[in-house]
Protein backbone atom coordinates (compact mmCIF):
# COMPACT_ATOMS: atom_id res chain seq x y z
CA MET A 1 -27.05 17.32 -54.08
CA THR A 2 -23.60 17.53 -55.42
CA ASP A 3 -22.33 19.41 -58.53
CA GLN A 4 -19.35 18.95 -60.49
CA TRP A 5 -17.44 21.68 -62.19
CA ALA A 6 -14.73 20.75 -64.87
CA ARG A 7 -12.19 22.98 -66.47
CA SER A 8 -10.21 21.15 -69.17
CA ALA A 9 -7.17 23.38 -68.73
CA LEU A 10 -6.81 22.20 -65.10
CA ASP A 11 -8.62 18.92 -65.26
CA LEU A 12 -10.12 19.78 -61.88
CA HIS A 13 -13.25 18.65 -60.34
CA LEU A 14 -14.96 20.60 -57.56
CA ASN A 15 -17.56 18.67 -55.44
CA ILE A 16 -19.82 21.28 -54.24
CA ASP A 17 -22.16 20.15 -51.38
CA ARG A 18 -25.40 22.26 -51.49
CA ALA A 19 -26.57 20.88 -48.22
CA HIS A 20 -25.36 23.93 -46.39
CA GLY A 21 -26.05 26.55 -49.12
CA LEU A 22 -24.36 27.37 -52.31
CA ARG A 23 -21.75 29.88 -51.00
CA ALA A 24 -20.69 27.55 -48.15
CA GLY A 25 -20.50 24.56 -50.58
CA LEU A 26 -18.20 26.53 -53.03
CA GLU A 27 -15.92 27.74 -50.33
CA GLN A 28 -15.42 24.47 -48.94
CA ALA A 29 -14.80 22.94 -52.42
CA LEU A 30 -12.19 25.57 -53.40
CA ARG A 31 -10.40 25.31 -49.98
CA GLU A 32 -10.15 21.64 -50.25
CA ALA A 33 -8.89 21.58 -53.94
CA ILE A 34 -6.07 24.28 -52.78
CA ARG A 35 -5.20 22.35 -49.63
CA LEU A 36 -4.70 19.05 -51.33
CA GLY A 37 -2.82 20.70 -54.16
CA ARG A 38 -5.20 19.99 -56.99
CA LEU A 39 -5.21 23.80 -57.43
CA SER A 40 -1.50 24.68 -57.41
CA SER A 41 0.01 28.18 -56.48
CA GLY A 42 -0.42 30.57 -59.32
CA SER A 43 -3.38 28.74 -60.99
CA ARG A 44 -5.74 31.25 -62.49
CA LEU A 45 -9.41 30.96 -61.71
CA PRO A 46 -12.18 31.91 -64.08
CA SER A 47 -13.90 35.13 -63.66
CA SER A 48 -16.81 35.40 -61.23
CA ARG A 49 -19.19 35.74 -64.23
CA ILE A 50 -17.91 32.76 -66.14
CA LEU A 51 -17.84 30.56 -62.91
CA ALA A 52 -21.28 31.67 -62.04
CA GLN A 53 -22.53 30.65 -65.55
CA GLU A 54 -20.88 27.25 -65.37
CA LEU A 55 -22.24 26.45 -61.94
CA GLY A 56 -25.65 27.95 -62.26
CA MET A 57 -24.94 30.33 -59.34
CA ALA A 58 -25.51 34.07 -59.01
CA ARG A 59 -22.37 35.99 -59.87
CA ASN A 60 -22.53 37.89 -56.57
CA THR A 61 -22.32 34.58 -54.61
CA VAL A 62 -19.08 33.57 -56.53
CA SER A 63 -17.70 37.11 -56.02
CA GLN A 64 -18.26 36.79 -52.12
CA VAL A 65 -16.56 33.35 -52.13
CA TYR A 66 -13.54 34.82 -54.09
CA GLU A 67 -13.36 37.66 -51.62
CA GLN A 68 -13.67 35.43 -48.51
CA LEU A 69 -10.85 33.04 -49.83
CA ALA A 70 -8.71 35.93 -50.65
CA ALA A 71 -9.15 37.50 -47.10
CA GLU A 72 -8.04 34.02 -45.70
CA GLY A 73 -5.06 33.88 -47.97
CA TYR A 74 -6.04 31.15 -50.21
CA LEU A 75 -6.48 33.33 -53.38
CA THR A 76 -5.06 36.65 -54.57
CA ALA A 77 -6.20 39.22 -57.07
CA ARG A 78 -3.91 40.22 -59.69
CA PRO A 79 -4.48 43.31 -61.79
CA ARG A 80 -6.20 42.77 -65.00
CA SER A 81 -5.47 39.07 -64.70
CA GLY A 82 -8.29 38.06 -62.35
CA MET A 83 -8.25 35.73 -59.42
CA SER A 84 -5.55 33.05 -58.85
CA VAL A 85 -4.33 30.70 -56.15
CA ALA A 86 -2.04 32.40 -53.60
CA PRO A 87 1.62 31.30 -53.37
CA ARG A 88 1.95 28.47 -50.71
CA PRO A 89 4.84 26.60 -49.43
CA ASP A 90 5.14 23.10 -50.46
CA PRO A 91 3.53 21.13 -47.72
CA VAL A 92 5.90 19.51 -45.40
CA PRO A 93 4.65 16.77 -43.31
CA PRO A 94 5.19 17.25 -39.61
CA PRO A 95 7.67 14.98 -37.95
CA ALA A 96 6.45 11.86 -36.38
CA ILE A 97 6.48 12.40 -32.68
CA PRO A 98 6.59 9.07 -30.79
CA LEU A 99 4.03 8.29 -28.20
CA ALA A 100 5.20 9.10 -24.85
CA SER A 101 6.18 6.11 -22.67
CA PRO A 102 3.81 5.57 -19.93
CA PHE A 103 4.84 6.45 -16.33
CA ARG A 104 5.06 3.01 -15.32
CA GLU A 105 6.21 0.78 -18.11
CA PRO A 106 3.93 -2.43 -18.34
CA VAL A 107 5.26 -6.01 -17.96
CA THR A 108 4.35 -9.06 -19.64
CA GLY A 109 5.17 -11.43 -16.66
CA PHE A 110 4.73 -11.04 -12.95
CA ASP A 111 4.95 -7.27 -11.75
CA LEU A 112 6.38 -7.14 -8.29
CA ARG A 113 7.63 -3.73 -8.36
CA PRO A 114 6.69 -1.55 -5.39
CA GLY A 115 4.46 1.53 -5.57
CA LEU A 116 1.01 0.14 -6.18
CA PRO A 117 -1.85 -1.11 -4.04
CA ASP A 118 -3.88 -4.16 -4.89
CA LEU A 119 -5.91 -2.38 -7.42
CA SER A 120 -8.53 -5.16 -7.47
CA LEU A 121 -9.44 -3.96 -4.04
CA PHE A 122 -10.60 -0.51 -5.33
CA PRO A 123 -14.02 -0.03 -3.19
CA ARG A 124 -16.01 0.19 -6.48
CA GLN A 125 -19.48 -0.17 -4.89
CA ALA A 126 -18.70 2.18 -2.01
CA TRP A 127 -17.34 4.84 -4.57
CA LEU A 128 -20.32 4.38 -6.80
CA ALA A 129 -22.74 4.77 -4.02
CA ALA A 130 -20.83 7.89 -2.62
CA THR A 131 -20.70 9.30 -6.16
CA ARG A 132 -24.62 8.89 -6.34
CA GLN A 133 -25.07 10.66 -2.89
CA VAL A 134 -22.63 13.51 -3.77
CA LEU A 135 -24.36 14.33 -7.09
CA HIS A 136 -27.81 14.15 -5.55
CA ALA A 137 -27.00 16.30 -2.60
CA MET A 138 -24.26 18.74 -3.77
CA PRO A 139 -25.40 22.31 -4.58
CA HIS A 140 -24.96 23.79 -8.14
CA THR A 141 -22.16 25.95 -6.93
CA ALA A 142 -19.91 22.98 -6.33
CA LEU A 143 -19.67 22.77 -10.08
CA ALA A 144 -18.00 26.14 -10.31
CA TYR A 145 -14.27 26.50 -10.17
CA GLY A 146 -13.94 25.94 -6.51
CA ASN A 147 -11.22 26.88 -3.98
CA PRO A 148 -7.66 26.13 -5.30
CA HIS A 149 -6.81 25.03 -1.78
CA GLY A 150 -9.32 22.21 -1.95
CA HIS A 151 -13.05 21.75 -1.11
CA LEU A 152 -13.75 22.78 2.46
CA GLU A 153 -15.71 19.62 2.96
CA LEU A 154 -12.69 17.37 2.25
CA ARG A 155 -10.23 19.54 4.33
CA GLU A 156 -12.71 19.27 7.21
CA ALA A 157 -13.02 15.56 6.73
CA LEU A 158 -9.26 15.06 6.56
CA ALA A 159 -8.57 17.27 9.56
CA GLY A 160 -10.69 14.94 11.65
CA TYR A 161 -9.49 11.79 10.07
CA LEU A 162 -5.81 12.56 10.18
CA GLY A 163 -5.87 13.47 13.88
CA ARG A 164 -7.80 10.24 14.69
CA ALA A 165 -5.97 7.76 12.54
CA ARG A 166 -2.44 9.41 12.19
CA GLY A 167 -2.13 11.73 15.30
CA VAL A 168 -1.87 14.70 13.03
CA ILE A 169 -2.58 18.06 14.65
CA THR A 170 -4.09 20.55 11.98
CA THR A 171 -7.08 22.43 11.02
CA PRO A 172 -9.10 22.65 7.67
CA GLY A 173 -7.37 26.12 7.02
CA ASN A 174 -3.87 24.47 7.20
CA ILE A 175 -4.65 21.77 4.57
CA ILE A 176 -4.24 22.15 0.98
CA ILE A 177 -5.41 19.46 -1.49
CA CYS A 178 -3.01 18.47 -4.20
CA ALA A 179 -2.90 16.45 -7.36
CA GLY A 180 -0.81 13.79 -5.97
CA TYR A 181 2.49 13.65 -3.88
CA THR A 182 4.60 15.25 -6.62
CA HIS A 183 2.28 18.17 -6.97
CA ALA A 184 2.45 18.67 -3.16
CA LEU A 185 6.21 18.33 -3.24
CA ARG A 186 6.50 20.80 -6.14
CA ILE A 187 4.50 23.61 -4.73
CA LEU A 188 6.24 23.15 -1.35
CA CYS A 189 9.61 23.64 -2.98
CA GLN A 190 8.46 26.56 -4.90
CA ALA A 191 7.30 28.12 -1.53
CA LEU A 192 10.54 27.24 0.14
CA ASN A 193 12.74 28.57 -2.59
CA GLN A 194 14.44 31.75 -1.17
CA GLY A 195 17.52 32.34 -3.14
CA ARG A 196 20.16 29.63 -2.93
CA SER A 197 18.27 27.46 -0.32
CA THR A 198 19.09 23.78 0.02
CA ILE A 199 16.53 20.84 0.67
CA ALA A 200 17.71 17.52 2.07
CA PHE A 201 16.42 14.12 0.76
CA GLU A 202 17.02 10.61 2.18
CA ASP A 203 19.54 8.39 0.42
CA PRO A 204 18.24 6.16 -0.80
CA THR A 205 14.87 7.71 -2.18
CA VAL A 206 12.96 7.86 -5.47
CA LEU A 207 15.49 9.91 -7.64
CA ASP A 208 12.75 11.98 -9.38
CA TYR A 209 11.78 13.69 -6.11
CA PRO A 210 15.49 15.36 -5.55
CA ALA A 211 15.53 15.95 -9.26
CA LEU A 212 12.03 17.78 -9.02
CA ALA A 213 13.45 19.99 -6.23
CA GLY A 214 16.42 20.86 -8.34
CA LYS A 215 14.20 21.94 -11.20
CA THR A 216 12.44 24.44 -8.89
CA GLY A 217 15.94 26.06 -8.20
CA LEU A 218 16.63 24.53 -4.93
CA ARG A 219 19.96 22.87 -4.20
CA VAL A 220 19.90 19.34 -3.03
CA SER A 221 21.76 17.48 -0.38
CA ARG A 222 21.40 13.76 0.10
CA ILE A 223 21.52 12.28 3.61
CA PRO A 224 22.29 8.58 4.20
CA VAL A 225 19.85 6.18 5.78
CA ASP A 226 20.87 3.28 8.24
CA GLY A 227 18.97 0.87 10.29
CA SER A 228 17.60 3.68 12.54
CA GLY A 229 16.36 5.75 9.71
CA LEU A 230 17.79 9.09 8.63
CA VAL A 231 21.32 9.79 9.86
CA THR A 232 20.55 13.06 11.36
CA HIS A 233 23.99 14.29 12.26
CA HIS A 234 24.66 14.82 8.42
CA LEU A 235 21.99 17.65 8.36
CA SER A 236 23.42 21.20 8.50
CA ASP A 237 21.83 24.37 7.29
CA GLU A 238 19.15 22.91 4.92
CA VAL A 239 15.89 24.75 4.66
CA ALA A 240 13.97 21.50 4.82
CA ALA A 241 14.42 17.74 5.08
CA VAL A 242 12.12 15.36 3.22
CA VAL A 243 11.85 12.08 5.18
CA THR A 244 9.52 8.88 5.21
CA PRO A 245 9.74 8.16 9.03
CA ALA A 246 7.01 5.50 9.32
CA HIS A 247 8.43 3.26 6.67
CA GLN A 248 11.38 4.54 4.81
CA PHE A 249 11.32 4.09 1.08
CA PRO A 250 12.78 1.87 -0.07
CA ILE A 251 14.81 0.50 2.84
CA GLY A 252 11.56 0.05 4.93
CA VAL A 253 13.09 0.94 8.30
CA THR A 254 11.27 3.14 10.84
CA LEU A 255 12.85 6.28 12.17
CA SER A 256 13.97 5.39 15.73
CA PRO A 257 12.60 7.51 18.72
CA GLN A 258 16.01 8.96 19.25
CA ARG A 259 16.33 9.93 15.64
CA ARG A 260 12.88 11.47 15.64
CA ARG A 261 13.91 13.59 18.73
CA ASP A 262 17.11 14.52 16.93
CA LEU A 263 15.58 15.47 13.79
CA LEU A 264 12.97 17.75 15.48
CA GLY A 265 15.74 19.25 17.54
CA TRP A 266 17.62 20.09 14.40
CA ALA A 267 14.59 21.63 12.94
CA ARG A 268 13.88 23.84 16.11
CA ARG A 269 17.62 24.79 16.25
CA THR A 270 18.08 25.87 12.73
CA GLY A 271 14.51 27.06 11.99
CA SER A 272 14.16 24.57 9.26
CA LEU A 273 11.23 22.50 8.30
CA ILE A 274 10.63 18.62 8.09
CA VAL A 275 8.57 17.21 5.35
CA GLU A 276 6.83 13.99 6.33
CA ASP A 277 6.02 11.90 3.44
CA ASP A 278 3.46 9.43 5.02
CA TYR A 279 2.90 7.46 1.91
CA ASP A 280 1.88 4.13 3.54
CA GLY A 281 1.57 4.93 7.32
CA GLN A 282 -1.88 3.34 7.61
CA PHE A 283 -0.38 -0.15 6.79
CA ARG A 284 1.37 -1.74 9.91
CA TYR A 285 0.73 -5.40 10.67
CA ASP A 286 2.47 -6.55 13.84
CA ARG A 287 1.41 -3.52 16.11
CA GLN A 288 -0.40 -0.30 15.98
CA PRO A 289 0.71 2.20 13.34
CA ILE A 290 3.26 4.66 14.63
CA GLY A 291 1.69 8.06 14.89
CA ALA A 292 2.84 10.89 12.40
CA LEU A 293 5.99 12.87 13.34
CA GLN A 294 3.93 15.93 12.67
CA GLY A 295 1.83 15.43 15.86
CA LEU A 296 5.01 16.17 17.91
CA ASP A 297 5.54 19.68 16.47
CA PRO A 298 2.86 20.85 13.98
CA GLU A 299 4.71 24.11 13.41
CA THR A 300 7.98 22.45 12.39
CA VAL A 301 6.61 19.60 10.33
CA VAL A 302 4.89 19.58 7.03
CA TYR A 303 2.72 16.52 6.58
CA ILE A 304 1.94 15.13 3.20
CA GLY A 305 -0.54 12.12 2.57
CA THR A 306 -2.08 10.62 -0.40
CA VAL A 307 -4.71 7.95 -1.65
CA SER A 308 -2.29 6.67 -4.15
CA LYS A 309 -1.25 3.72 -1.65
CA THR A 310 -4.66 3.32 0.23
CA ILE A 311 -7.16 3.54 -2.69
CA ALA A 312 -5.71 3.99 -6.06
CA PRO A 313 -3.16 6.53 -7.70
CA ALA A 314 -5.46 7.25 -10.62
CA LEU A 315 -7.62 9.42 -8.23
CA ARG A 316 -4.68 11.96 -8.02
CA ILE A 317 -5.74 13.08 -4.64
CA ALA A 318 -3.11 14.10 -1.94
CA TRP A 319 -3.08 16.54 0.95
CA LEU A 320 -0.51 18.88 2.57
CA ALA A 321 -0.86 19.96 6.27
CA ALA A 322 1.35 22.87 6.79
CA PRO A 323 2.35 25.20 9.59
CA HIS A 324 0.52 28.52 9.92
CA SER A 325 3.82 30.30 8.93
CA LEU A 326 4.06 28.43 5.47
CA ILE A 327 0.47 28.89 4.44
CA PRO A 328 0.92 32.43 2.83
CA ALA A 329 3.66 31.23 0.74
CA LEU A 330 1.82 28.19 -0.36
CA ARG A 331 -1.19 30.13 -1.31
CA GLU A 332 0.93 32.52 -3.35
CA VAL A 333 2.35 29.61 -5.34
CA LEU A 334 -1.24 28.33 -5.92
CA ARG A 335 -2.30 31.59 -7.42
CA PHE A 336 -0.49 30.53 -10.60
CA ASP A 337 -0.96 26.83 -10.45
CA GLU A 338 -3.55 25.24 -12.61
CA THR A 339 -3.04 21.60 -11.36
CA HIS A 340 -6.37 21.19 -9.22
CA VAL A 341 -7.93 18.27 -8.15
CA ASN A 342 -11.48 17.19 -9.66
CA GLY A 343 -13.95 18.75 -7.24
CA ILE A 344 -16.29 16.05 -7.34
CA ASP A 345 -13.81 13.52 -6.56
CA GLN A 346 -12.84 15.49 -3.55
CA LEU A 347 -16.58 15.47 -2.27
CA ILE A 348 -16.66 11.66 -2.90
CA LEU A 349 -13.56 11.03 -0.80
CA ALA A 350 -14.94 13.35 1.95
CA HIS A 351 -18.18 11.36 1.98
CA LEU A 352 -16.05 8.07 2.27
CA ILE A 353 -14.22 9.35 5.33
CA ASP A 354 -17.29 10.78 7.11
CA SER A 355 -19.23 7.55 6.57
CA GLY A 356 -16.50 5.17 7.75
CA GLU A 357 -16.10 3.51 4.28
CA LEU A 358 -12.44 4.55 4.24
CA ASP A 359 -11.74 2.95 7.47
CA ARG A 360 -13.61 -0.20 6.38
CA HIS A 361 -11.66 -0.31 3.04
CA LEU A 362 -8.29 0.05 4.97
CA ARG A 363 -9.03 -2.79 7.26
CA ARG A 364 -9.82 -5.10 4.25
CA CYS A 365 -6.66 -4.13 2.63
CA ARG A 366 -4.56 -4.68 5.72
CA ALA A 367 -6.03 -8.22 6.18
CA ARG A 368 -5.14 -9.01 2.53
CA TYR A 369 -1.64 -7.45 2.58
CA ARG A 370 -0.79 -9.20 5.80
CA GLN A 371 -1.47 -12.50 4.07
CA ARG A 372 0.64 -11.60 1.17
CA ARG A 373 3.40 -10.41 3.29
CA ASP A 374 3.41 -13.67 5.36
CA LEU A 375 3.36 -15.74 2.16
CA LEU A 376 6.49 -13.99 0.95
CA GLY A 377 8.26 -14.17 4.14
CA ARG A 378 7.71 -17.97 4.51
CA ALA A 379 8.94 -18.57 0.95
CA VAL A 380 12.02 -16.55 1.69
CA ALA A 381 12.78 -18.25 5.05
CA GLN A 382 12.10 -21.82 3.70
CA GLN A 383 13.89 -21.48 0.35
CA LEU A 384 16.41 -18.64 0.38
CA PRO A 385 18.40 -19.10 3.60
CA GLN A 386 21.16 -17.03 2.07
CA ALA A 387 19.00 -14.10 1.81
CA ARG A 388 17.36 -11.61 4.14
CA LEU A 389 13.90 -10.00 4.06
CA SER A 390 13.65 -6.50 5.74
CA GLY A 391 10.93 -3.76 6.04
CA VAL A 392 8.25 -6.31 6.53
CA ALA A 393 6.65 -4.76 9.68
CA ALA A 394 4.63 -2.20 7.57
CA GLY A 395 3.86 -0.87 4.24
CA LEU A 396 3.32 -2.36 0.73
CA HIS A 397 6.79 -3.51 0.02
CA ALA A 398 9.79 -5.51 1.46
CA VAL A 399 13.54 -5.53 0.64
CA LEU A 400 15.25 -8.83 -0.24
CA HIS A 401 18.93 -8.51 0.66
CA LEU A 402 21.30 -10.85 -1.24
CA PRO A 403 25.02 -11.86 -0.68
CA GLY A 404 27.43 -10.14 -3.01
CA THR A 405 27.89 -6.71 -4.29
CA VAL A 406 26.17 -4.49 -6.67
CA ALA A 407 28.88 -5.41 -9.27
CA THR A 408 26.97 -8.64 -9.86
CA GLU A 409 23.63 -7.04 -10.38
CA ALA A 410 23.44 -7.64 -13.95
CA GLY A 411 23.38 -11.33 -13.55
CA LEU A 412 20.64 -11.12 -11.14
CA VAL A 413 18.45 -8.85 -13.41
CA ASP A 414 19.09 -11.12 -16.35
CA LEU A 415 17.83 -14.18 -14.40
CA LEU A 416 14.70 -12.27 -13.05
CA THR A 417 13.87 -11.18 -16.43
CA LYS A 418 14.29 -14.78 -17.76
CA HIS A 419 11.70 -15.88 -15.39
CA GLY A 420 9.38 -12.83 -16.26
CA VAL A 421 9.58 -11.31 -12.79
CA ALA A 422 9.79 -7.37 -12.68
CA VAL A 423 11.19 -5.79 -9.46
CA ASP A 424 13.08 -2.73 -8.60
CA GLN A 425 16.73 -2.90 -7.99
CA LEU A 426 17.77 -1.54 -4.88
CA SER A 427 20.51 0.35 -6.34
CA ALA A 428 18.26 2.40 -8.56
CA PHE A 429 17.25 4.61 -5.51
CA TYR A 430 20.79 5.53 -4.42
CA SER A 431 22.59 8.71 -5.49
CA ARG A 432 25.69 6.52 -5.94
CA ARG A 433 24.57 3.22 -7.44
CA ALA A 434 27.93 1.57 -6.87
CA ALA A 435 27.61 2.29 -3.15
CA ALA A 436 24.33 0.39 -2.74
CA PRO A 437 23.98 -3.08 -1.11
CA LEU A 438 22.77 -5.90 -3.45
CA GLY A 439 19.06 -6.35 -3.18
CA VAL A 440 15.63 -5.86 -4.76
CA ALA A 441 12.48 -4.01 -3.61
CA ILE A 442 9.43 -6.24 -3.83
CA GLY A 443 6.03 -4.83 -4.05
CA TYR A 444 3.95 -7.75 -2.59
CA THR A 445 0.70 -5.84 -3.06
CA THR A 446 1.20 -5.08 -6.66
CA PRO A 447 0.06 -8.39 -8.61
CA PRO A 448 -3.53 -9.22 -8.79
CA GLN A 449 -4.54 -11.79 -6.03
CA HIS A 450 -4.95 -14.65 -8.59
CA ALA A 451 -1.35 -14.33 -9.84
CA TYR A 452 0.30 -13.61 -6.37
CA GLU A 453 1.58 -17.08 -5.48
CA ASN A 454 2.93 -17.78 -9.11
CA ALA A 455 4.58 -14.41 -8.82
CA VAL A 456 6.30 -15.30 -5.65
CA SER A 457 7.30 -18.86 -6.98
CA ALA A 458 8.98 -17.36 -10.01
CA LEU A 459 10.70 -14.89 -7.86
CA ILE A 460 12.04 -17.48 -5.58
CA THR A 461 13.13 -19.85 -8.50
CA ALA A 462 14.99 -16.87 -10.10
CA ILE A 463 16.91 -15.99 -6.90
CA ARG A 464 17.70 -19.53 -6.19
CA GLU A 465 19.30 -19.81 -9.72
CA TYR A 466 21.32 -16.71 -8.99
CA LEU A 467 22.65 -17.97 -5.61
CA ALA A 468 23.46 -21.31 -7.10
CA ALA A 469 25.35 -19.57 -9.96
CA GLY A 470 27.45 -17.52 -7.45
């Protein structure tokens, strides 16, 4: 039931909802009238006796409402003048804040940018079955805050899996579960930041990673990459070097055996650390995957892996296997870090590893990705004799090298855009774009399966137009 109260002097109507009681209804009606400006600052209200008579309420009820709103700052008592609306600033609408751009801008055509697996291969049935099993079997204590270093079940599963599949030598106590690679890199940089320390990154690499290290207070050096991987003789007194030895991103080369020995020698000689980003080490197509660098010296190499390329980045699960000497510093960083991974998802992933479902999923992915890589390779070989494809032995992407210089890159981008093809320009990963070779990084696992052949066809057409124009 709703009552309406009218005062001719103010021409104001209060809609009083009695469903939750007279007092609550009157409080809400007066608040709304003041907030919306129907009762302006300084407006006098009738005495509690008069208002009680007009509304058919007890005077004590109205007095209590007035006292409550005065305590909240809506009303003010003026000596011998009764109750009035308290002064309030003119409402200023907050500035419109534009929606944040997505981390990965969507494209309307063919998305051949590197960085994603084939999301249609996500093991939905296996994940669902594992979820049911985990929820049925897990103790109630698993729903508590949990260990900030990660669930023991997942760390135990990873220690066994990484040793078997990647040659990593570690224990559950040396593994920390992180919310993606960027989180792992951030806490590592924070743990390494001792005054004016310097950390080395490959050049080229994803530019956000050196920028992140700089945000933590570390100085950053950029070390060039050639056909054998990181050029190790450019390293000096850095506290650590971040490398992608199995499949350098974005060039796609593998760190040569001699460079692996040189890199480890540098780290032992200087007391530095090597940070191994093994982002797609499980995907090698022409021979067995190369074992992790960490297996050669577990006390010198920090190993970082993730499910972002093997299952899906939306899971936000990564892991960091660190030397014993670094664990106390990492745990100290985690004391003040609330970026934890969903505990149930950790248990589900542990179940997938222990049951063998992760291995089966990876075998399916390797077969699909090999087919896609081969289709791209044939198309380039047959239709783009002036171009060269590299980095195809492993991973989820390849690099298409083109004749010319980066100065002509704008024309290439225009033609790709015209044909609705999105790729990453190779120059976007270099610290000095002008020094980059002309080429594009092609993520052949990104498009859905039904669109892949058309995506490759559109890419080839655009590149052929570019080469013909040159």
